[in-house]
Amino acid sequence: MDAARVFRWAGGTDWEDCGRLGSNPRHLSVQSMIAHDGRLYAGTGVWDWVRASGDGFDPALSHVFVYEGGREWRDLGQVGASVRVLTMASFDDDLYVGLD
């Protein structure tokens, strides 16, 4: 459960733990992040291409989360049928995500 965590720089060499993206142990990575409309969003992923292909591992499908403060992230749900949110963009007041 140490995977898929976000940290905020607290100055100097200090970092603050902002929590994990959800509780699914098959979400292995924070794959992408963006500040959009004053909020922080993050997408899950599997950085390992072999695991992402499902070869001997059952990866979780990608989800997008919004930061609620402290160590809390709210799950905005599954995005498509992919295992990685590779990119995020803020355009014309809308949030867009790209999958692998």
PDB file of N, CA and C in Angstrom:
ATOM      1  N   MET A   1       0.820  -1.208   0.000  1.00  0.00           N
ATOM      2  CA  MET A   1       0.000   0.000   0.000  1.00  0.00           C
ATOM      3  C   MET A   1       0.859   1.264   0.000  1.00  0.00           C
ATOM      4  N   ASP A   2       2.176   1.095  -0.156  1.00  0.00           N
ATOM      5  CA  ASP A   2       3.048   2.263  -0.260  1.00  0.00           C
ATOM      6  C   ASP A   2       3.092   2.814  -1.682  1.00  0.00           C
ATOM      7  N   ALA A   3       2.534   2.076  -2.629  1.00  0.00           N
ATOM      8  CA  ALA A   3       2.534   2.517  -4.028  1.00  0.00           C
ATOM      9  C   ALA A   3       1.432   3.548  -4.265  1.00  0.00           C
ATOM     10  N   ALA A   4       1.508   4.195  -5.415  1.00  0.00           N
ATOM     11  CA  ALA A   4       0.481   5.150  -5.872  1.00  0.00           C
ATOM     12  C   ALA A   4       0.227   6.269  -4.856  1.00  0.00           C
ATOM     13  N   ARG A   5       1.286   6.785  -4.265  1.00  0.00           N
ATOM     14  CA  ARG A   5       1.194   7.869  -3.289  1.00  0.00           C
ATOM     15  C   ARG A   5       1.668   9.179  -3.903  1.00  0.00           C
ATOM     16  N   VAL A   6       1.135  10.269  -3.392  1.00  0.00           N
ATOM     17  CA  VAL A   6       1.513  11.611  -3.825  1.00  0.00           C
ATOM     18  C   VAL A   6       2.151  12.325  -2.644  1.00  0.00           C
ATOM     19  N   PHE A   7       3.196  13.092  -2.923  1.00  0.00           N
ATOM     20  CA  PHE A   7       3.888  13.858  -1.891  1.00  0.00           C
ATOM     21  C   PHE A   7       3.965  15.316  -2.319  1.00  0.00           C
ATOM     22  N   ARG A   8       3.904  16.204  -1.334  1.00  0.00           N
ATOM     23  CA  ARG A   8       4.015  17.645  -1.581  1.00  0.00           C
ATOM     24  C   ARG A   8       5.320  18.131  -0.946  1.00  0.00           C
ATOM     25  N   TRP A   9       6.059  18.947  -1.689  1.00  0.00           N
ATOM     26  CA  TRP A   9       7.302  19.496  -1.176  1.00  0.00           C
ATOM     27  C   TRP A   9       6.990  20.483  -0.072  1.00  0.00           C
ATOM     28  N   ALA A  10       7.611  20.297   1.096  1.00  0.00           N
ATOM     29  CA  ALA A  10       7.371  21.142   2.265  1.00  0.00           C
ATOM     30  C   ALA A  10       8.522  22.123   2.490  1.00  0.00           C
ATOM     31  N   GLY A  11       9.474  22.161   1.575  1.00  0.00           N
ATOM     32  CA  GLY A  11      10.623  23.057   1.695  1.00  0.00           C
ATOM     33  C   GLY A  11      11.873  22.306   2.105  1.00  0.00           C
ATOM     34  N   GLY A  12      13.002  22.825   1.697  1.00  0.00           N
ATOM     35  CA  GLY A  12      14.275  22.182   2.034  1.00  0.00           C
ATOM     36  C   GLY A  12      14.325  20.774   1.481  1.00  0.00           C
ATOM     37  N   THR A  13      14.509  19.814   2.377  1.00  0.00           N
ATOM     38  CA  THR A  13      14.516  18.400   1.970  1.00  0.00           C
ATOM     39  C   THR A  13      13.308  17.658   2.527  1.00  0.00           C
ATOM     40  N   ASP A  14      12.284  18.393   2.961  1.00  0.00           N
ATOM     41  CA  ASP A  14      11.107  17.778   3.590  1.00  0.00           C
ATOM     42  C   ASP A  14       9.971  17.599   2.589  1.00  0.00           C
ATOM     43  N   TRP A  15       9.293  16.468   2.714  1.00  0.00           N
ATOM     44  CA  TRP A  15       8.150  16.142   1.872  1.00  0.00           C
ATOM     45  C   TRP A  15       6.977  15.701   2.738  1.00  0.00           C
ATOM     46  N   GLU A  16       5.787  16.138   2.383  1.00  0.00           N
ATOM     47  CA  GLU A  16       4.556  15.797   3.106  1.00  0.00           C
ATOM     48  C   GLU A  16       3.792  14.737   2.319  1.00  0.00           C
ATOM     49  N   ASP A  17       3.392  13.665   3.003  1.00  0.00           N
ATOM     50  CA  ASP A  17       2.624  12.590   2.382  1.00  0.00           C
ATOM     51  C   ASP A  17       1.180  13.053   2.191  1.00  0.00           C
ATOM     52  N   CYS A  18       0.727  13.110   0.957  1.00  0.00           N
ATOM     53  CA  CYS A  18      -0.646  13.527   0.653  1.00  0.00           C
ATOM     54  C   CYS A  18      -1.576  12.342   0.427  1.00  0.00           C
ATOM     55  N   GLY A  19      -1.095  11.147   0.709  1.00  0.00           N
ATOM     56  CA  GLY A  19      -1.951   9.973   0.645  1.00  0.00           C
ATOM     57  C   GLY A  19      -1.828   9.168  -0.632  1.00  0.00           C
ATOM     58  N   ARG A  20      -2.577   8.076  -0.626  1.00  0.00           N
ATOM     59  CA  ARG A  20      -2.577   7.097  -1.711  1.00  0.00           C
ATOM     60  C   ARG A  20      -3.804   7.286  -2.574  1.00  0.00           C
ATOM     61  N   LEU A  21      -3.660   7.023  -3.870  1.00  0.00           N
ATOM     62  CA  LEU A  21      -4.804   7.071  -4.772  1.00  0.00           C
ATOM     63  C   LEU A  21      -5.624   5.794  -4.588  1.00  0.00           C
ATOM     64  N   GLY A  22      -6.633   5.874  -3.735  1.00  0.00           N
ATOM     65  CA  GLY A  22      -7.526   4.741  -3.499  1.00  0.00           C
ATOM     66  C   GLY A  22      -6.910   3.633  -2.687  1.00  0.00           C
ATOM     67  N   SER A  23      -7.654   2.542  -2.588  1.00  0.00           N
ATOM     68  CA  SER A  23      -7.210   1.421  -1.759  1.00  0.00           C
ATOM     69  C   SER A  23      -6.978   0.143  -2.555  1.00  0.00           C
ATOM     70  N   ASN A  24      -7.105   0.205  -3.870  1.00  0.00           N
ATOM     71  CA  ASN A  24      -6.905  -0.986  -4.690  1.00  0.00           C
ATOM     72  C   ASN A  24      -5.408  -1.290  -4.783  1.00  0.00           C
ATOM     73  N   PRO A  25      -4.964  -2.429  -4.244  1.00  0.00           N
ATOM     74  CA  PRO A  25      -3.540  -2.747  -4.260  1.00  0.00           C
ATOM     75  C   PRO A  25      -2.999  -2.983  -5.672  1.00  0.00           C
ATOM     76  N   ARG A  26      -3.875  -3.123  -6.665  1.00  0.00           N
ATOM     77  CA  ARG A  26      -3.427  -3.322  -8.048  1.00  0.00           C
ATOM     78  C   ARG A  26      -3.229  -1.999  -8.787  1.00  0.00           C
ATOM     79  N   HIS A  27      -3.514  -0.875  -8.119  1.00  0.00           N
ATOM     80  CA  HIS A  27      -3.099   0.427  -8.649  1.00  0.00           C
ATOM     81  C   HIS A  27      -1.678   0.645  -8.144  1.00  0.00           C
ATOM     82  N   LEU A  28      -0.718   0.524  -9.031  1.00  0.00           N
ATOM     83  CA  LEU A  28       0.686   0.512  -8.625  1.00  0.00           C
ATOM     84  C   LEU A  28       1.400   1.852  -8.744  1.00  0.00           C
ATOM     85  N   SER A  29       0.850   2.779  -9.535  1.00  0.00           N
ATOM     86  CA  SER A  29       1.575   4.020  -9.780  1.00  0.00           C
ATOM     87  C   SER A  29       0.641   5.212  -9.907  1.00  0.00           C
ATOM     88  N   VAL A  30       1.183   6.375  -9.558  1.00  0.00           N
ATOM     89  CA  VAL A  30       0.566   7.636  -9.957  1.00  0.00           C
ATOM     90  C   VAL A  30       1.149   7.880 -11.343  1.00  0.00           C
ATOM     91  N   GLN A  31       0.331   7.745 -12.368  1.00  0.00           N
ATOM     92  CA  GLN A  31       0.837   7.812 -13.730  1.00  0.00           C
ATOM     93  C   GLN A  31       0.857   9.235 -14.272  1.00  0.00           C
ATOM     94  N   SER A  32      -0.105  10.058 -13.851  1.00  0.00           N
ATOM     95  CA  SER A  32      -0.176  11.427 -14.360  1.00  0.00           C
ATOM     96  C   SER A  32      -0.857  12.314 -13.328  1.00  0.00           C
ATOM     97  N   MET A  33      -0.534  13.618 -13.396  1.00  0.00           N
ATOM     98  CA  MET A  33      -1.147  14.601 -12.494  1.00  0.00           C
ATOM     99  C   MET A  33      -1.327  15.916 -13.224  1.00  0.00           C
ATOM    100  N   ILE A  34      -2.326  16.706 -12.767  1.00  0.00           N
ATOM    101  CA  ILE A  34      -2.541  18.025 -13.344  1.00  0.00           C
ATOM    102  C   ILE A  34      -3.291  18.904 -12.348  1.00  0.00           C
ATOM    103  N   ALA A  35      -2.992  20.183 -12.383  1.00  0.00           N
ATOM    104  CA  ALA A  35      -3.797  21.179 -11.666  1.00  0.00           C
ATOM    105  C   ALA A  35      -4.820  21.703 -12.667  1.00  0.00           C
ATOM    106  N   HIS A  36      -6.091  21.573 -12.323  1.00  0.00           N
ATOM    107  CA  HIS A  36      -7.176  21.988 -13.217  1.00  0.00           C
ATOM    108  C   HIS A  36      -8.248  22.683 -12.392  1.00  0.00           C
ATOM    109  N   ASP A  37      -8.603  23.891 -12.781  1.00  0.00           N
ATOM    110  CA  ASP A  37      -9.679  24.637 -12.139  1.00  0.00           C
ATOM    111  C   ASP A  37      -9.483  24.729 -10.617  1.00  0.00           C
ATOM    112  N   GLY A  38      -8.214  24.920 -10.208  1.00  0.00           N
ATOM    113  CA  GLY A  38      -7.908  25.081  -8.789  1.00  0.00           C
ATOM    114  C   GLY A  38      -7.868  23.804  -7.978  1.00  0.00           C
ATOM    115  N   ARG A  39      -7.941  22.656  -8.636  1.00  0.00           N
ATOM    116  CA  ARG A  39      -7.894  21.364  -7.935  1.00  0.00           C
ATOM    117  C   ARG A  39      -6.767  20.522  -8.514  1.00  0.00           C
ATOM    118  N   LEU A  40      -6.304  19.549  -7.728  1.00  0.00           N
ATOM    119  CA  LEU A  40      -5.261  18.645  -8.176  1.00  0.00           C
ATOM    120  C   LEU A  40      -5.892  17.298  -8.528  1.00  0.00           C
ATOM    121  N   TYR A  41      -5.591  16.818  -9.729  1.00  0.00           N
ATOM    122  CA  TYR A  41      -6.113  15.542 -10.217  1.00  0.00           C
ATOM    123  C   TYR A  41      -4.952  14.598 -10.492  1.00  0.00           C
ATOM    124  N   ALA A  42      -5.191  13.302 -10.318  1.00  0.00           N
ATOM    125  CA  ALA A  42      -4.160  12.308 -10.588  1.00  0.00           C
ATOM    126  C   ALA A  42      -4.791  11.061 -11.182  1.00  0.00           C
ATOM    127  N   GLY A  43      -4.055  10.457 -12.102  1.00  0.00           N
ATOM    128  CA  GLY A  43      -4.510   9.222 -12.735  1.00  0.00           C
ATOM    129  C   GLY A  43      -3.603   8.071 -12.376  1.00  0.00           C
ATOM    130  N   THR A  44      -4.184   6.899 -12.230  1.00  0.00           N
ATOM    131  CA  THR A  44      -3.418   5.715 -11.859  1.00  0.00           C
ATOM    132  C   THR A  44      -2.821   5.049 -13.093  1.00  0.00           C
ATOM    133  N   GLY A  45      -1.908   4.151 -12.837  1.00  0.00           N
ATOM    134  CA  GLY A  45      -1.308   3.398 -13.922  1.00  0.00           C
ATOM    135  C   GLY A  45      -0.411   2.307 -13.404  1.00  0.00           C
ATOM    136  N   VAL A  46       0.126   1.553 -14.326  1.00  0.00           N
ATOM    137  CA  VAL A  46       1.102   0.510 -14.050  1.00  0.00           C
ATOM    138  C   VAL A  46       2.321   0.859 -14.887  1.00  0.00           C
ATOM    139  N   TRP A  47       3.391   1.263 -14.246  1.00  0.00           N
ATOM    140  CA  TRP A  47       4.574   1.740 -14.967  1.00  0.00           C
ATOM    141  C   TRP A  47       5.286   0.613 -15.696  1.00  0.00           C
ATOM    142  N   ASP A  48       5.194  -0.596 -15.184  1.00  0.00           N
ATOM    143  CA  ASP A  48       5.885  -1.758 -15.745  1.00  0.00           C
ATOM    144  C   ASP A  48       5.102  -2.274 -16.956  1.00  0.00           C
ATOM    145  N   TRP A  49       5.695  -2.191 -18.151  1.00  0.00           N
ATOM    146  CA  TRP A  49       5.000  -2.580 -19.385  1.00  0.00           C
ATOM    147  C   TRP A  49       4.601  -4.044 -19.383  1.00  0.00           C
ATOM    148  N   VAL A  50       5.399  -4.927 -18.776  1.00  0.00           N
ATOM    149  CA  VAL A  50       5.067  -6.345 -18.725  1.00  0.00           C
ATOM    150  C   VAL A  50       3.837  -6.552 -17.851  1.00  0.00           C
ATOM    151  N   ARG A  51       3.837  -5.945 -16.655  1.00  0.00           N
ATOM    152  CA  ARG A  51       2.667  -6.069 -15.782  1.00  0.00           C
ATOM    153  C   ARG A  51       1.436  -5.421 -16.409  1.00  0.00           C
ATOM    154  N   ALA A  52       1.623  -4.299 -17.092  1.00  0.00           N
ATOM    155  CA  ALA A  52       0.501  -3.608 -17.720  1.00  0.00           C
ATOM    156  C   ALA A  52      -0.176  -4.478 -18.765  1.00  0.00           C
ATOM    157  N   SER A  53       0.584  -5.357 -19.399  1.00  0.00           N
ATOM    158  CA  SER A  53       0.016  -6.241 -20.416  1.00  0.00           C
ATOM    159  C   SER A  53      -0.766  -7.387 -19.798  1.00  0.00           C
ATOM    160  N   GLY A  54      -0.669  -7.546 -18.474  1.00  0.00           N
ATOM    161  CA  GLY A  54      -1.387  -8.615 -17.790  1.00  0.00           C
ATOM    162  C   GLY A  54      -0.638  -9.930 -17.778  1.00  0.00           C
ATOM    163  N   ASP A  55       0.625  -9.913 -18.154  1.00  0.00           N
ATOM    164  CA  ASP A  55       1.436 -11.129 -18.190  1.00  0.00           C
ATOM    165  C   ASP A  55       1.804 -11.557 -16.769  1.00  0.00           C
ATOM    166  N   GLY A  56       1.009 -12.438 -16.187  1.00  0.00           N
ATOM    167  CA  GLY A  56       1.265 -12.938 -14.834  1.00  0.00           C
ATOM    168  C   GLY A  56       0.803 -11.995 -13.735  1.00  0.00           C
ATOM    169  N   PHE A  57       0.115 -10.923 -14.096  1.00  0.00           N
ATOM    170  CA  PHE A  57      -0.370  -9.936 -13.133  1.00  0.00           C
ATOM    171  C   PHE A  57      -1.704  -9.405 -13.641  1.00  0.00           C
ATOM    172  N   ASP A  58      -2.650  -9.224 -12.748  1.00  0.00           N
ATOM    173  CA  ASP A  58      -3.966  -8.714 -13.117  1.00  0.00           C
ATOM    174  C   ASP A  58      -4.036  -7.234 -12.745  1.00  0.00           C
ATOM    175  N   PRO A  59      -3.653  -6.334 -13.666  1.00  0.00           N
ATOM    176  CA  PRO A  59      -3.631  -4.910 -13.337  1.00  0.00           C
ATOM    177  C   PRO A  59      -5.034  -4.336 -13.178  1.00  0.00           C
ATOM    178  N   ALA A  60      -5.160  -3.358 -12.312  1.00  0.00           N
ATOM    179  CA  ALA A  60      -6.434  -2.657 -12.134  1.00  0.00           C
ATOM    180  C   ALA A  60      -6.645  -1.697 -13.291  1.00  0.00           C
ATOM    181  N   LEU A  61      -7.889  -1.502 -13.677  1.00  0.00           N
ATOM    182  CA  LEU A  61      -8.191  -0.532 -14.719  1.00  0.00           C
ATOM    183  C   LEU A  61      -7.985   0.875 -14.170  1.00  0.00           C
ATOM    184  N   SER A  62      -7.674   1.795 -15.057  1.00  0.00           N
ATOM    185  CA  SER A  62      -7.301   3.152 -14.665  1.00  0.00           C
ATOM    186  C   SER A  62      -8.463   3.934 -14.051  1.00  0.00           C
ATOM    187  N   HIS A  63      -8.116   4.741 -13.068  1.00  0.00           N
ATOM    188  CA  HIS A  63      -9.061   5.626 -12.390  1.00  0.00           C
ATOM    189  C   HIS A  63      -8.445   7.014 -12.302  1.00  0.00           C
ATOM    190  N   VAL A  64      -9.299   8.017 -12.193  1.00  0.00           N
ATOM    191  CA  VAL A  64      -8.856   9.392 -11.945  1.00  0.00           C
ATOM    192  C   VAL A  64      -9.357   9.794 -10.570  1.00  0.00           C
ATOM    193  N   PHE A  65      -8.512  10.484  -9.820  1.00  0.00           N
ATOM    194  CA  PHE A  65      -8.816  10.927  -8.463  1.00  0.00           C
ATOM    195  C   PHE A  65      -8.642  12.433  -8.365  1.00  0.00           C
ATOM    196  N   VAL A  66      -9.391  13.055  -7.451  1.00  0.00           N
ATOM    197  CA  VAL A  66      -9.220  14.474  -7.162  1.00  0.00           C
ATOM    198  C   VAL A  66      -8.806  14.596  -5.698  1.00  0.00           C
ATOM    199  N   TYR A  67      -7.848  15.481  -5.442  1.00  0.00           N
ATOM    200  CA  TYR A  67      -7.314  15.670  -4.097  1.00  0.00           C
ATOM    201  C   TYR A  67      -8.298  16.452  -3.245  1.00  0.00           C
ATOM    202  N   GLU A  68      -8.616  15.917  -2.066  1.00  0.00           N
ATOM    203  CA  GLU A  68      -9.561  16.541  -1.138  1.00  0.00           C
ATOM    204  C   GLU A  68      -8.869  17.204   0.037  1.00  0.00           C
ATOM    205  N   GLY A  69      -7.539  17.105   0.104  1.00  0.00           N
ATOM    206  CA  GLY A  69      -6.782  17.688   1.207  1.00  0.00           C
ATOM    207  C   GLY A  69      -6.304  16.626   2.170  1.00  0.00           C
ATOM    208  N   GLY A  70      -5.312  16.989   2.966  1.00  0.00           N
ATOM    209  CA  GLY A  70      -4.749  16.027   3.920  1.00  0.00           C
ATOM    210  C   GLY A  70      -4.168  14.837   3.191  1.00  0.00           C
ATOM    211  N   ARG A  71      -4.712  13.663   3.471  1.00  0.00           N
ATOM    212  CA  ARG A  71      -4.302  12.434   2.779  1.00  0.00           C
ATOM    213  C   ARG A  71      -5.483  11.812   2.037  1.00  0.00           C
ATOM    214  N   GLU A  72      -6.462  12.629   1.704  1.00  0.00           N
ATOM    215  CA  GLU A  72      -7.701  12.120   1.096  1.00  0.00           C
ATOM    216  C   GLU A  72      -7.790  12.415  -0.397  1.00  0.00           C
ATOM    217  N   TRP A  73      -8.130  11.391  -1.149  1.00  0.00           N
ATOM    218  CA  TRP A  73      -8.369  11.491  -2.585  1.00  0.00           C
ATOM    219  C   TRP A  73      -9.739  10.891  -2.879  1.00  0.00           C
ATOM    220  N   ARG A  74     -10.522  11.562  -3.693  1.00  0.00           N
ATOM    221  CA  ARG A  74     -11.844  11.050  -4.072  1.00  0.00           C
ATOM    222  C   ARG A  74     -11.744  10.430  -5.460  1.00  0.00           C
ATOM    223  N   ASP A  75     -12.226   9.208  -5.563  1.00  0.00           N
ATOM    224  CA  ASP A  75     -12.192   8.465  -6.812  1.00  0.00           C
ATOM    225  C   ASP A  75     -13.294   8.981  -7.736  1.00  0.00           C
ATOM    226  N   LEU A  76     -12.906   9.471  -8.910  1.00  0.00           N
ATOM    227  CA  LEU A  76     -13.881   9.948  -9.889  1.00  0.00           C
ATOM    228  C   LEU A  76     -14.300   8.842 -10.842  1.00  0.00           C
ATOM    229  N   GLY A  77     -13.768   7.663 -10.636  1.00  0.00           N
ATOM    230  CA  GLY A  77     -14.204   6.507 -11.414  1.00  0.00           C
ATOM    231  C   GLY A  77     -13.204   6.020 -12.438  1.00  0.00           C
ATOM    232  N   GLN A  78     -13.575   4.886 -13.001  1.00  0.00           N
ATOM    233  CA  GLN A  78     -12.768   4.242 -14.029  1.00  0.00           C
ATOM    234  C   GLN A  78     -12.844   5.048 -15.317  1.00  0.00           C
ATOM    235  N   VAL A  79     -11.713   5.113 -16.014  1.00  0.00           N
ATOM    236  CA  VAL A  79     -11.641   5.807 -17.296  1.00  0.00           C
ATOM    237  C   VAL A  79     -11.372   4.762 -18.371  1.00  0.00           C
ATOM    238  N   GLY A  80     -12.319   4.514 -19.219  1.00  0.00           N
ATOM    239  CA  GLY A  80     -12.137   3.558 -20.307  1.00  0.00           C
ATOM    240  C   GLY A  80     -11.807   2.164 -19.818  1.00  0.00           C
ATOM    241  N   ALA A  81     -11.142   1.415 -20.681  1.00  0.00           N
ATOM    242  CA  ALA A  81     -10.778   0.035 -20.365  1.00  0.00           C
ATOM    243  C   ALA A  81      -9.267  -0.133 -20.454  1.00  0.00           C
ATOM    244  N   SER A  82      -8.554   0.817 -19.908  1.00  0.00           N
ATOM    245  CA  SER A  82      -7.100   0.847 -19.957  1.00  0.00           C
ATOM    246  C   SER A  82      -6.530   0.651 -18.557  1.00  0.00           C
ATOM    247  N   VAL A  83      -5.238   0.415 -18.488  1.00  0.00           N
ATOM    248  CA  VAL A  83      -4.580   0.289 -17.183  1.00  0.00           C
ATOM    249  C   VAL A  83      -3.670   1.470 -16.880  1.00  0.00           C
ATOM    250  N   ARG A  84      -3.691   2.500 -17.772  1.00  0.00           N
ATOM    251  CA  ARG A  84      -2.847   3.670 -17.547  1.00  0.00           C
ATOM    252  C   ARG A  84      -3.500   4.943 -18.053  1.00  0.00           C
ATOM    253  N   VAL A  85      -3.541   5.950 -17.178  1.00  0.00           N
ATOM    254  CA  VAL A  85      -3.889   7.307 -17.595  1.00  0.00           C
ATOM    255  C   VAL A  85      -2.549   7.966 -17.894  1.00  0.00           C
ATOM    256  N   LEU A  86      -2.172   7.971 -19.151  1.00  0.00           N
ATOM    257  CA  LEU A  86      -0.833   8.436 -19.523  1.00  0.00           C
ATOM    258  C   LEU A  86      -0.679   9.944 -19.494  1.00  0.00           C
ATOM    259  N   THR A  87      -1.754  10.672 -19.753  1.00  0.00           N
ATOM    260  CA  THR A  87      -1.640  12.122 -19.837  1.00  0.00           C
ATOM    261  C   THR A  87      -2.944  12.773 -19.404  1.00  0.00           C
ATOM    262  N   MET A  88      -2.834  14.013 -18.924  1.00  0.00           N
ATOM    263  CA  MET A  88      -4.002  14.800 -18.538  1.00  0.00           C
ATOM    264  C   MET A  88      -3.800  16.215 -19.075  1.00  0.00           C
ATOM    265  N   ALA A  89      -4.911  16.855 -19.464  1.00  0.00           N
ATOM    266  CA  ALA A  89      -4.829  18.218 -19.983  1.00  0.00           C
ATOM    267  C   ALA A  89      -6.039  19.017 -19.521  1.00  0.00           C
ATOM    268  N   SER A  90      -5.795  20.291 -19.291  1.00  0.00           N
ATOM    269  CA  SER A  90      -6.856  21.224 -18.959  1.00  0.00           C
ATOM    270  C   SER A  90      -7.020  22.149 -20.152  1.00  0.00           C
ATOM    271  N   PHE A  91      -8.215  22.148 -20.759  1.00  0.00           N
ATOM    272  CA  PHE A  91      -8.441  22.944 -21.952  1.00  0.00           C
ATOM    273  C   PHE A  91      -9.862  23.491 -21.958  1.00  0.00           C
ATOM    274  N   ASP A  92      -9.984  24.787 -22.106  1.00  0.00           N
ATOM    275  CA  ASP A  92     -11.291  25.437 -22.245  1.00  0.00           C
ATOM    276  C   ASP A  92     -12.231  25.043 -21.100  1.00  0.00           C
ATOM    277  N   ASP A  93     -11.685  25.059 -19.863  1.00  0.00           N
ATOM    278  CA  ASP A  93     -12.426  24.755 -18.636  1.00  0.00           C
ATOM    279  C   ASP A  93     -12.833  23.296 -18.484  1.00  0.00           C
ATOM    280  N   ASP A  94     -12.308  22.400 -19.311  1.00  0.00           N
ATOM    281  CA  ASP A  94     -12.606  20.981 -19.195  1.00  0.00           C
ATOM    282  C   ASP A  94     -11.335  20.195 -18.904  1.00  0.00           C
ATOM    283  N   LEU A  95     -11.507  19.033 -18.259  1.00  0.00           N
ATOM    284  CA  LEU A  95     -10.397  18.140 -17.967  1.00  0.00           C
ATOM    285  C   LEU A  95     -10.434  16.989 -18.962  1.00  0.00           C
ATOM    286  N   TYR A  96      -9.290  16.715 -19.576  1.00  0.00           N
ATOM    287  CA  TYR A  96      -9.162  15.624 -20.540  1.00  0.00           C
ATOM    288  C   TYR A  96      -8.098  14.658 -20.055  1.00  0.00           C
ATOM    289  N   VAL A  97      -8.297  13.374 -20.323  1.00  0.00           N
ATOM    290  CA  VAL A  97      -7.275  12.373 -20.000  1.00  0.00           C
ATOM    291  C   VAL A  97      -7.028  11.512 -21.229  1.00  0.00           C
ATOM    292  N   GLY A  98      -5.787  11.051 -21.345  1.00  0.00           N
ATOM    293  CA  GLY A  98      -5.419  10.167 -22.444  1.00  0.00           C
ATOM    294  C   GLY A  98      -4.964   8.831 -21.878  1.00  0.00           C
ATOM    295  N   LEU A  99      -5.406   7.770 -22.495  1.00  0.00           N
ATOM    296  CA  LEU A  99      -5.083   6.413 -22.052  1.00  0.00           C
ATOM    297  C   LEU A  99      -4.047   5.792 -22.966  1.00  0.00           C
ATOM    298  N   ASP A 100      -3.473   4.687 -22.501  1.00  0.00           N
ATOM    299  CA  ASP A 100      -2.497   4.001 -23.353  1.00  0.00           C
ATOM    300  C   ASP A 100      -3.207   3.178 -24.403  1.00  0.00           C
TER     301      ASP A 100
END
